[in-house]
Amino acid sequence: MDDETLVWQWIIEQLDEARHVYIHLNWVSVALAVSGAYSLYIVFYGLFLCPTRHIPGPFFTRFTNLYPFYLTFSGDGLERVRRLHQKYGTSPISGN
């Protein structure tokens, strides 16, 4: 056999061995890692980069838009909005 045939035979053998190597990816771990990285990004953005971070309001409104839904379905949303205005002034932030 010539050298080129030996090289191709070696490559095929290596690929055949690599095909039998099984790398187990646990998709739950991947999903948790991605969601954790995204959560860290949201927190970092809300604390340091958000252009509305100087506007007063409840702390968690920097990270999520769920607060207005909470106010709507809590049953005493109008009272809570009134208290927000008393505490933070005329324009408290209620979502990012």
PDB file of N, CA and C in Angstrom:
ATOM      1  N   MET A   1       0.838  -1.188   0.000  1.00  0.00           N
ATOM      2  CA  MET A   1       0.000   0.000   0.000  1.00  0.00           C
ATOM      3  C   MET A   1       0.873   1.238   0.000  1.00  0.00           C
ATOM      4  N   ASP A   2       0.385   2.246  -0.646  1.00  0.00           N
ATOM      5  CA  ASP A   2       1.143   3.493  -0.660  1.00  0.00           C
ATOM      6  C   ASP A   2       0.773   4.350   0.558  1.00  0.00           C
ATOM      7  N   ASP A   3       1.521   5.409   0.740  1.00  0.00           N
ATOM      8  CA  ASP A   3       1.356   6.255   1.934  1.00  0.00           C
ATOM      9  C   ASP A   3      -0.018   6.927   1.983  1.00  0.00           C
ATOM     10  N   GLU A   4      -0.518   7.353   0.848  1.00  0.00           N
ATOM     11  CA  GLU A   4      -1.819   8.039   0.832  1.00  0.00           C
ATOM     12  C   GLU A   4      -2.941   7.091   1.269  1.00  0.00           C
ATOM     13  N   THR A   5      -2.891   5.871   0.837  1.00  0.00           N
ATOM     14  CA  THR A   5      -3.898   4.891   1.230  1.00  0.00           C
ATOM     15  C   THR A   5      -3.823   4.616   2.729  1.00  0.00           C
ATOM     16  N   LEU A   6      -2.604   4.552   3.266  1.00  0.00           N
ATOM     17  CA  LEU A   6      -2.446   4.338   4.704  1.00  0.00           C
ATOM     18  C   LEU A   6      -3.001   5.516   5.507  1.00  0.00           C
ATOM     19  N   VAL A   7      -2.784   6.724   5.006  1.00  0.00           N
ATOM     20  CA  VAL A   7      -3.292   7.908   5.699  1.00  0.00           C
ATOM     21  C   VAL A   7      -4.814   7.892   5.709  1.00  0.00           C
ATOM     22  N   TRP A   8      -5.422   7.600   4.556  1.00  0.00           N
ATOM     23  CA  TRP A   8      -6.879   7.558   4.487  1.00  0.00           C
ATOM     24  C   TRP A   8      -7.436   6.426   5.358  1.00  0.00           C
ATOM     25  N   GLN A   9      -6.753   5.328   5.394  1.00  0.00           N
ATOM     26  CA  GLN A   9      -7.199   4.221   6.232  1.00  0.00           C
ATOM     27  C   GLN A   9      -7.128   4.610   7.702  1.00  0.00           C
ATOM     28  N   TRP A  10      -6.051   5.308   8.089  1.00  0.00           N
ATOM     29  CA  TRP A  10      -5.915   5.779   9.468  1.00  0.00           C
ATOM     30  C   TRP A  10      -7.020   6.770   9.816  1.00  0.00           C
ATOM     31  N   ILE A  11      -7.327   7.699   8.899  1.00  0.00           N
ATOM     32  CA  ILE A  11      -8.388   8.683   9.129  1.00  0.00           C
ATOM     33  C   ILE A  11      -9.728   7.981   9.310  1.00  0.00           C
ATOM     34  N   ILE A  12     -10.019   7.003   8.490  1.00  0.00           N
ATOM     35  CA  ILE A  12     -11.285   6.271   8.589  1.00  0.00           C
ATOM     36  C   ILE A  12     -11.366   5.522   9.910  1.00  0.00           C
ATOM     37  N   GLU A  13     -10.265   4.935  10.341  1.00  0.00           N
ATOM     38  CA  GLU A  13     -10.256   4.243  11.627  1.00  0.00           C
ATOM     39  C   GLU A  13     -10.503   5.218  12.774  1.00  0.00           C
ATOM     40  N   GLN A  14      -9.891   6.396  12.702  1.00  0.00           N
ATOM     41  CA  GLN A  14     -10.072   7.394  13.756  1.00  0.00           C
ATOM     42  C   GLN A  14     -11.520   7.883  13.797  1.00  0.00           C
ATOM     43  N   LEU A  15     -12.086   8.115  12.627  1.00  0.00           N
ATOM     44  CA  LEU A  15     -13.483   8.544  12.580  1.00  0.00           C
ATOM     45  C   LEU A  15     -14.410   7.459  13.108  1.00  0.00           C
ATOM     46  N   ASP A  16     -14.095   6.215  12.816  1.00  0.00           N
ATOM     47  CA  ASP A  16     -14.913   5.109  13.298  1.00  0.00           C
ATOM     48  C   ASP A  16     -14.848   5.020  14.817  1.00  0.00           C
ATOM     49  N   GLU A  17     -13.663   5.254  15.394  1.00  0.00           N
ATOM     50  CA  GLU A  17     -13.520   5.251  16.846  1.00  0.00           C
ATOM     51  C   GLU A  17     -14.243   6.444  17.462  1.00  0.00           C
ATOM     52  N   ALA A  18     -14.134   7.590  16.804  1.00  0.00           N
ATOM     53  CA  ALA A  18     -14.789   8.789  17.325  1.00  0.00           C
ATOM     54  C   ALA A  18     -16.300   8.651  17.283  1.00  0.00           C
ATOM     55  N   ARG A  19     -16.789   7.889  16.318  1.00  0.00           N
ATOM     56  CA  ARG A  19     -18.227   7.686  16.208  1.00  0.00           C
ATOM     57  C   ARG A  19     -18.740   6.903  17.412  1.00  0.00           C
ATOM     58  N   HIS A  20     -17.914   6.088  17.997  1.00  0.00           N
ATOM     59  CA  HIS A  20     -18.332   5.277  19.134  1.00  0.00           C
ATOM     60  C   HIS A  20     -18.187   6.013  20.465  1.00  0.00           C
ATOM     61  N   VAL A  21     -17.531   7.156  20.430  1.00  0.00           N
ATOM     62  CA  VAL A  21     -17.417   7.951  21.657  1.00  0.00           C
ATOM     63  C   VAL A  21     -18.738   8.686  21.839  1.00  0.00           C
ATOM     64  N   TYR A  22     -19.356   8.498  22.977  1.00  0.00           N
ATOM     65  CA  TYR A  22     -20.658   9.090  23.238  1.00  0.00           C
ATOM     66  C   TYR A  22     -20.499  10.189  24.270  1.00  0.00           C
ATOM     67  N   ILE A  23     -20.840  11.396  23.881  1.00  0.00           N
ATOM     68  CA  ILE A  23     -20.810  12.519  24.810  1.00  0.00           C
ATOM     69  C   ILE A  23     -22.244  12.768  25.261  1.00  0.00           C
ATOM     70  N   HIS A  24     -22.473  12.573  26.520  1.00  0.00           N
ATOM     71  CA  HIS A  24     -23.825  12.698  27.047  1.00  0.00           C
ATOM     72  C   HIS A  24     -24.093  14.147  27.428  1.00  0.00           C
ATOM     73  N   LEU A  25     -25.053  14.739  26.756  1.00  0.00           N
ATOM     74  CA  LEU A  25     -25.495  16.081  27.128  1.00  0.00           C
ATOM     75  C   LEU A  25     -26.840  15.964  27.821  1.00  0.00           C
ATOM     76  N   ASN A  26     -26.884  16.368  29.037  1.00  0.00           N
ATOM     77  CA  ASN A  26     -28.126  16.361  29.779  1.00  0.00           C
ATOM     78  C   ASN A  26     -28.848  17.671  29.456  1.00  0.00           C
ATOM     79  N   TRP A  27     -29.948  17.573  28.734  1.00  0.00           N
ATOM     80  CA  TRP A  27     -30.630  18.777  28.254  1.00  0.00           C
ATOM     81  C   TRP A  27     -31.214  19.594  29.390  1.00  0.00           C
ATOM     82  N   VAL A  28     -31.493  18.974  30.493  1.00  0.00           N
ATOM     83  CA  VAL A  28     -31.965  19.741  31.640  1.00  0.00           C
ATOM     84  C   VAL A  28     -30.847  20.639  32.157  1.00  0.00           C
ATOM     85  N   SER A  29     -29.628  20.111  32.212  1.00  0.00           N
ATOM     86  CA  SER A  29     -28.492  20.913  32.652  1.00  0.00           C
ATOM     87  C   SER A  29     -28.218  22.059  31.691  1.00  0.00           C
ATOM     88  N   VAL A  30     -28.322  21.784  30.413  1.00  0.00           N
ATOM     89  CA  VAL A  30     -28.106  22.830  29.412  1.00  0.00           C
ATOM     90  C   VAL A  30     -29.165  23.919  29.564  1.00  0.00           C
ATOM     91  N   ALA A  31     -30.420  23.517  29.734  1.00  0.00           N
ATOM     92  CA  ALA A  31     -31.499  24.497  29.897  1.00  0.00           C
ATOM     93  C   ALA A  31     -31.309  25.326  31.165  1.00  0.00           C
ATOM     94  N   LEU A  32     -30.889  24.679  32.247  1.00  0.00           N
ATOM     95  CA  LEU A  32     -30.634  25.412  33.489  1.00  0.00           C
ATOM     96  C   LEU A  32     -29.462  26.374  33.346  1.00  0.00           C
ATOM     97  N   ALA A  33     -28.422  25.966  32.652  1.00  0.00           N
ATOM     98  CA  ALA A  33     -27.267  26.847  32.449  1.00  0.00           C
ATOM     99  C   ALA A  33     -27.649  28.054  31.611  1.00  0.00           C
ATOM    100  N   VAL A  34     -28.420  27.836  30.563  1.00  0.00           N
ATOM    101  CA  VAL A  34     -28.834  28.952  29.705  1.00  0.00           C
ATOM    102  C   VAL A  34     -29.758  29.897  30.462  1.00  0.00           C
ATOM    103  N   SER A  35     -30.727  29.352  31.186  1.00  0.00           N
ATOM    104  CA  SER A  35     -31.635  30.225  31.925  1.00  0.00           C
ATOM    105  C   SER A  35     -30.910  30.942  33.068  1.00  0.00           C
ATOM    106  N   GLY A  36     -29.933  30.291  33.684  1.00  0.00           N
ATOM    107  CA  GLY A  36     -29.148  30.957  34.719  1.00  0.00           C
ATOM    108  C   GLY A  36     -28.308  32.097  34.164  1.00  0.00           C
ATOM    109  N   ALA A  37     -27.693  31.862  33.001  1.00  0.00           N
ATOM    110  CA  ALA A  37     -26.901  32.923  32.368  1.00  0.00           C
ATOM    111  C   ALA A  37     -27.792  34.086  31.971  1.00  0.00           C
ATOM    112  N   TYR A  38     -28.987  33.799  31.455  1.00  0.00           N
ATOM    113  CA  TYR A  38     -29.916  34.867  31.077  1.00  0.00           C
ATOM    114  C   TYR A  38     -30.379  35.628  32.313  1.00  0.00           C
ATOM    115  N   SER A  39     -30.632  34.933  33.403  1.00  0.00           N
ATOM    116  CA  SER A  39     -31.055  35.594  34.637  1.00  0.00           C
ATOM    117  C   SER A  39     -29.959  36.517  35.165  1.00  0.00           C
ATOM    118  N   LEU A  40     -28.711  36.062  35.110  1.00  0.00           N
ATOM    119  CA  LEU A  40     -27.600  36.922  35.532  1.00  0.00           C
ATOM    120  C   LEU A  40     -27.489  38.154  34.650  1.00  0.00           C
ATOM    121  N   TYR A  41     -27.709  37.979  33.352  1.00  0.00           N
ATOM    122  CA  TYR A  41     -27.685  39.118  32.436  1.00  0.00           C
ATOM    123  C   TYR A  41     -28.781  40.119  32.800  1.00  0.00           C
ATOM    124  N   ILE A  42     -29.993  39.637  33.071  1.00  0.00           N
ATOM    125  CA  ILE A  42     -31.108  40.529  33.410  1.00  0.00           C
ATOM    126  C   ILE A  42     -30.804  41.306  34.691  1.00  0.00           C
ATOM    127  N   VAL A  43     -30.270  40.621  35.695  1.00  0.00           N
ATOM    128  CA  VAL A  43     -29.943  41.289  36.951  1.00  0.00           C
ATOM    129  C   VAL A  43     -28.833  42.318  36.734  1.00  0.00           C
ATOM    130  N   PHE A  44     -27.779  41.951  36.017  1.00  0.00           N
ATOM    131  CA  PHE A  44     -26.682  42.886  35.751  1.00  0.00           C
ATOM    132  C   PHE A  44     -27.185  44.098  34.971  1.00  0.00           C
ATOM    133  N   TYR A  45     -28.015  43.858  33.955  1.00  0.00           N
ATOM    134  CA  TYR A  45     -28.553  44.951  33.156  1.00  0.00           C
ATOM    135  C   TYR A  45     -29.423  45.861  34.014  1.00  0.00           C
ATOM    136  N   GLY A  46     -30.286  45.278  34.828  1.00  0.00           N
ATOM    137  CA  GLY A  46     -31.178  46.081  35.656  1.00  0.00           C
ATOM    138  C   GLY A  46     -30.444  46.910  36.695  1.00  0.00           C
ATOM    139  N   LEU A  47     -29.350  46.391  37.214  1.00  0.00           N
ATOM    140  CA  LEU A  47     -28.611  47.110  38.251  1.00  0.00           C
ATOM    141  C   LEU A  47     -27.646  48.154  37.697  1.00  0.00           C
ATOM    142  N   PHE A  48     -27.020  47.870  36.556  1.00  0.00           N
ATOM    143  CA  PHE A  48     -25.925  48.727  36.118  1.00  0.00           C
ATOM    144  C   PHE A  48     -26.112  49.393  34.752  1.00  0.00           C
ATOM    145  N   LEU A  49     -26.873  48.822  33.846  1.00  0.00           N
ATOM    146  CA  LEU A  49     -26.911  49.327  32.480  1.00  0.00           C
ATOM    147  C   LEU A  49     -28.237  49.952  32.068  1.00  0.00           C
ATOM    148  N   CYS A  50     -29.308  49.645  32.733  1.00  0.00           N
ATOM    149  CA  CYS A  50     -30.635  50.097  32.329  1.00  0.00           C
ATOM    150  C   CYS A  50     -30.716  51.626  32.390  1.00  0.00           C
ATOM    151  N   PRO A  51     -31.177  52.252  31.307  1.00  0.00           N
ATOM    152  CA  PRO A  51     -31.245  53.719  31.306  1.00  0.00           C
ATOM    153  C   PRO A  51     -32.295  54.269  32.273  1.00  0.00           C
ATOM    154  N   THR A  52     -33.215  53.450  32.750  1.00  0.00           N
ATOM    155  CA  THR A  52     -34.226  53.929  33.700  1.00  0.00           C
ATOM    156  C   THR A  52     -33.912  53.544  35.139  1.00  0.00           C
ATOM    157  N   ARG A  53     -32.679  53.152  35.427  1.00  0.00           N
ATOM    158  CA  ARG A  53     -32.350  52.696  36.783  1.00  0.00           C
ATOM    159  C   ARG A  53     -32.400  53.826  37.806  1.00  0.00           C
ATOM    160  N   HIS A  54     -32.354  55.070  37.365  1.00  0.00           N
ATOM    161  CA  HIS A  54     -32.399  56.202  38.289  1.00  0.00           C
ATOM    162  C   HIS A  54     -33.831  56.556  38.708  1.00  0.00           C
ATOM    163  N   ILE A  55     -34.830  56.014  38.017  1.00  0.00           N
ATOM    164  CA  ILE A  55     -36.224  56.304  38.345  1.00  0.00           C
ATOM    165  C   ILE A  55     -36.604  55.496  39.583  1.00  0.00           C
ATOM    166  N   PRO A  56     -37.173  56.146  40.588  1.00  0.00           N
ATOM    167  CA  PRO A  56     -37.511  55.418  41.814  1.00  0.00           C
ATOM    168  C   PRO A  56     -38.685  54.471  41.592  1.00  0.00           C
ATOM    169  N   GLY A  57     -38.708  53.430  42.393  1.00  0.00           N
ATOM    170  CA  GLY A  57     -39.801  52.463  42.336  1.00  0.00           C
ATOM    171  C   GLY A  57     -39.399  51.194  43.053  1.00  0.00           C
ATOM    172  N   PRO A  58     -40.304  50.229  43.118  1.00  0.00           N
ATOM    173  CA  PRO A  58     -39.985  48.953  43.764  1.00  0.00           C
ATOM    174  C   PRO A  58     -38.781  48.284  43.098  1.00  0.00           C
ATOM    175  N   PHE A  59     -37.993  47.587  43.893  1.00  0.00           N
ATOM    176  CA  PHE A  59     -36.728  47.010  43.419  1.00  0.00           C
ATOM    177  C   PHE A  59     -36.914  46.039  42.262  1.00  0.00           C
ATOM    178  N   PHE A  60     -37.898  45.143  42.352  1.00  0.00           N
ATOM    179  CA  PHE A  60     -38.046  44.096  41.349  1.00  0.00           C
ATOM    180  C   PHE A  60     -38.580  44.604  40.014  1.00  0.00           C
ATOM    181  N   THR A  61     -39.070  45.839  39.981  1.00  0.00           N
ATOM    182  CA  THR A  61     -39.543  46.369  38.702  1.00  0.00           C
ATOM    183  C   THR A  61     -38.388  46.682  37.761  1.00  0.00           C
ATOM    184  N   ARG A  62     -37.164  46.644  38.255  1.00  0.00           N
ATOM    185  CA  ARG A  62     -36.005  46.829  37.379  1.00  0.00           C
ATOM    186  C   ARG A  62     -35.757  45.619  36.491  1.00  0.00           C
ATOM    187  N   PHE A  63     -36.273  44.464  36.888  1.00  0.00           N
ATOM    188  CA  PHE A  63     -35.929  43.222  36.216  1.00  0.00           C
ATOM    189  C   PHE A  63     -37.079  42.571  35.458  1.00  0.00           C
ATOM    190  N   THR A  64     -38.305  42.962  35.731  1.00  0.00           N
ATOM    191  CA  THR A  64     -39.429  42.253  35.138  1.00  0.00           C
ATOM    192  C   THR A  64     -40.595  43.195  34.879  1.00  0.00           C
ATOM    193  N   ASN A  65     -41.431  42.814  33.957  1.00  0.00           N
ATOM    194  CA  ASN A  65     -42.666  43.553  33.675  1.00  0.00           C
ATOM    195  C   ASN A  65     -43.871  42.903  34.336  1.00  0.00           C
ATOM    196  N   LEU A  66     -43.663  42.003  35.258  1.00  0.00           N
ATOM    197  CA  LEU A  66     -44.756  41.290  35.890  1.00  0.00           C
ATOM    198  C   LEU A  66     -45.444  42.088  36.990  1.00  0.00           C
ATOM    199  N   TYR A  67     -44.821  43.140  37.473  1.00  0.00           N
ATOM    200  CA  TYR A  67     -45.407  43.917  38.567  1.00  0.00           C
ATOM    201  C   TYR A  67     -46.758  44.529  38.202  1.00  0.00           C
ATOM    202  N   PRO A  68     -46.929  45.111  37.002  1.00  0.00           N
ATOM    203  CA  PRO A  68     -48.267  45.619  36.655  1.00  0.00           C
ATOM    204  C   PRO A  68     -49.333  44.524  36.647  1.00  0.00           C
ATOM    205  N   PHE A  69     -48.970  43.310  36.212  1.00  0.00           N
ATOM    206  CA  PHE A  69     -49.924  42.197  36.264  1.00  0.00           C
ATOM    207  C   PHE A  69     -50.262  41.857  37.712  1.00  0.00           C
ATOM    208  N   TYR A  70     -49.263  41.889  38.571  1.00  0.00           N
ATOM    209  CA  TYR A  70     -49.487  41.633  39.989  1.00  0.00           C
ATOM    210  C   TYR A  70     -50.441  42.681  40.562  1.00  0.00           C
ATOM    211  N   LEU A  71     -50.217  43.951  40.225  1.00  0.00           N
ATOM    212  CA  LEU A  71     -51.094  45.006  40.722  1.00  0.00           C
ATOM    213  C   LEU A  71     -52.518  44.819  40.215  1.00  0.00           C
ATOM    214  N   THR A  72     -52.651  44.384  38.965  1.00  0.00           N
ATOM    215  CA  THR A  72     -53.973  44.209  38.380  1.00  0.00           C
ATOM    216  C   THR A  72     -54.748  43.091  39.066  1.00  0.00           C
ATOM    217  N   PHE A  73     -54.094  41.975  39.326  1.00  0.00           N
ATOM    218  CA  PHE A  73     -54.793  40.804  39.838  1.00  0.00           C
ATOM    219  C   PHE A  73     -54.698  40.630  41.348  1.00  0.00           C
ATOM    220  N   SER A  74     -54.056  41.544  42.046  1.00  0.00           N
ATOM    221  CA  SER A  74     -53.933  41.387  43.495  1.00  0.00           C
ATOM    222  C   SER A  74     -55.205  41.763  44.231  1.00  0.00           C
ATOM    223  N   GLY A  75     -56.058  42.557  43.619  1.00  0.00           N
ATOM    224  CA  GLY A  75     -57.303  42.943  44.273  1.00  0.00           C
ATOM    225  C   GLY A  75     -57.229  44.308  44.913  1.00  0.00           C
ATOM    226  N   ASP A  76     -56.053  44.727  45.323  1.00  0.00           N
ATOM    227  CA  ASP A  76     -55.901  46.061  45.904  1.00  0.00           C
ATOM    228  C   ASP A  76     -54.870  46.869  45.120  1.00  0.00           C
ATOM    229  N   GLY A  77     -54.875  46.698  43.805  1.00  0.00           N
ATOM    230  CA  GLY A  77     -53.902  47.357  42.944  1.00  0.00           C
ATOM    231  C   GLY A  77     -53.953  48.865  43.009  1.00  0.00           C
ATOM    232  N   LEU A  78     -55.172  49.436  43.060  1.00  0.00           N
ATOM    233  CA  LEU A  78     -55.283  50.894  43.114  1.00  0.00           C
ATOM    234  C   LEU A  78     -54.682  51.451  44.396  1.00  0.00           C
ATOM    235  N   GLU A  79     -54.905  50.754  45.497  1.00  0.00           N
ATOM    236  CA  GLU A  79     -54.319  51.191  46.771  1.00  0.00           C
ATOM    237  C   GLU A  79     -52.794  51.107  46.718  1.00  0.00           C
ATOM    238  N   ARG A  80     -52.277  50.045  46.126  1.00  0.00           N
ATOM    239  CA  ARG A  80     -50.824  49.905  46.016  1.00  0.00           C
ATOM    240  C   ARG A  80     -50.224  50.998  45.123  1.00  0.00           C
ATOM    241  N   VAL A  81     -50.891  51.323  44.036  1.00  0.00           N
ATOM    242  CA  VAL A  81     -50.409  52.391  43.145  1.00  0.00           C
ATOM    243  C   VAL A  81     -50.426  53.722  43.895  1.00  0.00           C
ATOM    244  N   ARG A  82     -51.479  53.978  44.674  1.00  0.00           N
ATOM    245  CA  ARG A  82     -51.546  55.207  45.466  1.00  0.00           C
ATOM    246  C   ARG A  82     -50.375  55.276  46.452  1.00  0.00           C
ATOM    247  N   ARG A  83     -50.057  54.139  47.110  1.00  0.00           N
ATOM    248  CA  ARG A  83     -48.924  54.124  48.040  1.00  0.00           C
ATOM    249  C   ARG A  83     -47.593  54.310  47.317  1.00  0.00           C
ATOM    250  N   LEU A  84     -47.480  53.741  46.100  1.00  0.00           N
ATOM    251  CA  LEU A  84     -46.258  53.959  45.313  1.00  0.00           C
ATOM    252  C   LEU A  84     -46.061  55.435  45.021  1.00  0.00           C
ATOM    253  N   HIS A  85     -47.151  56.127  44.656  1.00  0.00           N
ATOM    254  CA  HIS A  85     -47.047  57.557  44.379  1.00  0.00           C
ATOM    255  C   HIS A  85     -46.714  58.349  45.632  1.00  0.00           C
ATOM    256  N   GLN A  86     -47.254  57.941  46.769  1.00  0.00           N
ATOM    257  CA  GLN A  86     -46.916  58.627  48.015  1.00  0.00           C
ATOM    258  C   GLN A  86     -45.452  58.427  48.378  1.00  0.00           C
ATOM    259  N   LYS A  87     -44.942  57.218  48.147  1.00  0.00           N
ATOM    260  CA  LYS A  87     -43.572  56.897  48.552  1.00  0.00           C
ATOM    261  C   LYS A  87     -42.542  57.445  47.575  1.00  0.00           C
ATOM    262  N   TYR A  88     -42.788  57.311  46.241  1.00  0.00           N
ATOM    263  CA  TYR A  88     -41.771  57.631  45.244  1.00  0.00           C
ATOM    264  C   TYR A  88     -42.040  58.906  44.450  1.00  0.00           C
ATOM    265  N   GLY A  89     -43.180  59.531  44.630  1.00  0.00           N
ATOM    266  CA  GLY A  89     -43.450  60.758  43.892  1.00  0.00           C
ATOM    267  C   GLY A  89     -44.391  60.516  42.722  1.00  0.00           C
ATOM    268  N   THR A  90     -44.314  61.417  41.739  1.00  0.00           N
ATOM    269  CA  THR A  90     -45.326  61.429  40.672  1.00  0.00           C
ATOM    270  C   THR A  90     -45.127  60.347  39.613  1.00  0.00           C
ATOM    271  N   SER A  91     -43.919  59.827  39.444  1.00  0.00           N
ATOM    272  CA  SER A  91     -43.721  58.837  38.372  1.00  0.00           C
ATOM    273  C   SER A  91     -42.848  57.672  38.834  1.00  0.00           C
ATOM    274  N   PRO A  92     -43.394  56.811  39.699  1.00  0.00           N
ATOM    275  CA  PRO A  92     -42.603  55.623  40.081  1.00  0.00           C
ATOM    276  C   PRO A  92     -42.586  54.622  38.939  1.00  0.00           C
ATOM    277  N   ILE A  93     -41.490  53.905  38.802  1.00  0.00           N
ATOM    278  CA  ILE A  93     -41.384  52.888  37.751  1.00  0.00           C
ATOM    279  C   ILE A  93     -42.185  51.669  38.178  1.00  0.00           C
ATOM    280  N   SER A  94     -42.943  51.111  37.251  1.00  0.00           N
ATOM    281  CA  SER A  94     -43.745  49.941  37.596  1.00  0.00           C
ATOM    282  C   SER A  94     -43.450  48.776  36.652  1.00  0.00           C
ATOM    283  N   GLY A  95     -42.371  48.809  35.944  1.00  0.00           N
ATOM    284  CA  GLY A  95     -41.945  47.750  35.020  1.00  0.00           C
ATOM    285  C   GLY A  95     -40.860  48.302  34.117  1.00  0.00           C
ATOM    286  N   ASN A  96     -40.034  47.413  33.562  1.00  0.00           N
ATOM    287  CA  ASN A  96     -38.925  47.937  32.769  1.00  0.00           C
ATOM    288  C   ASN A  96     -39.268  48.076  31.332  1.00  0.00           C
TER     289      ASN A  96
END
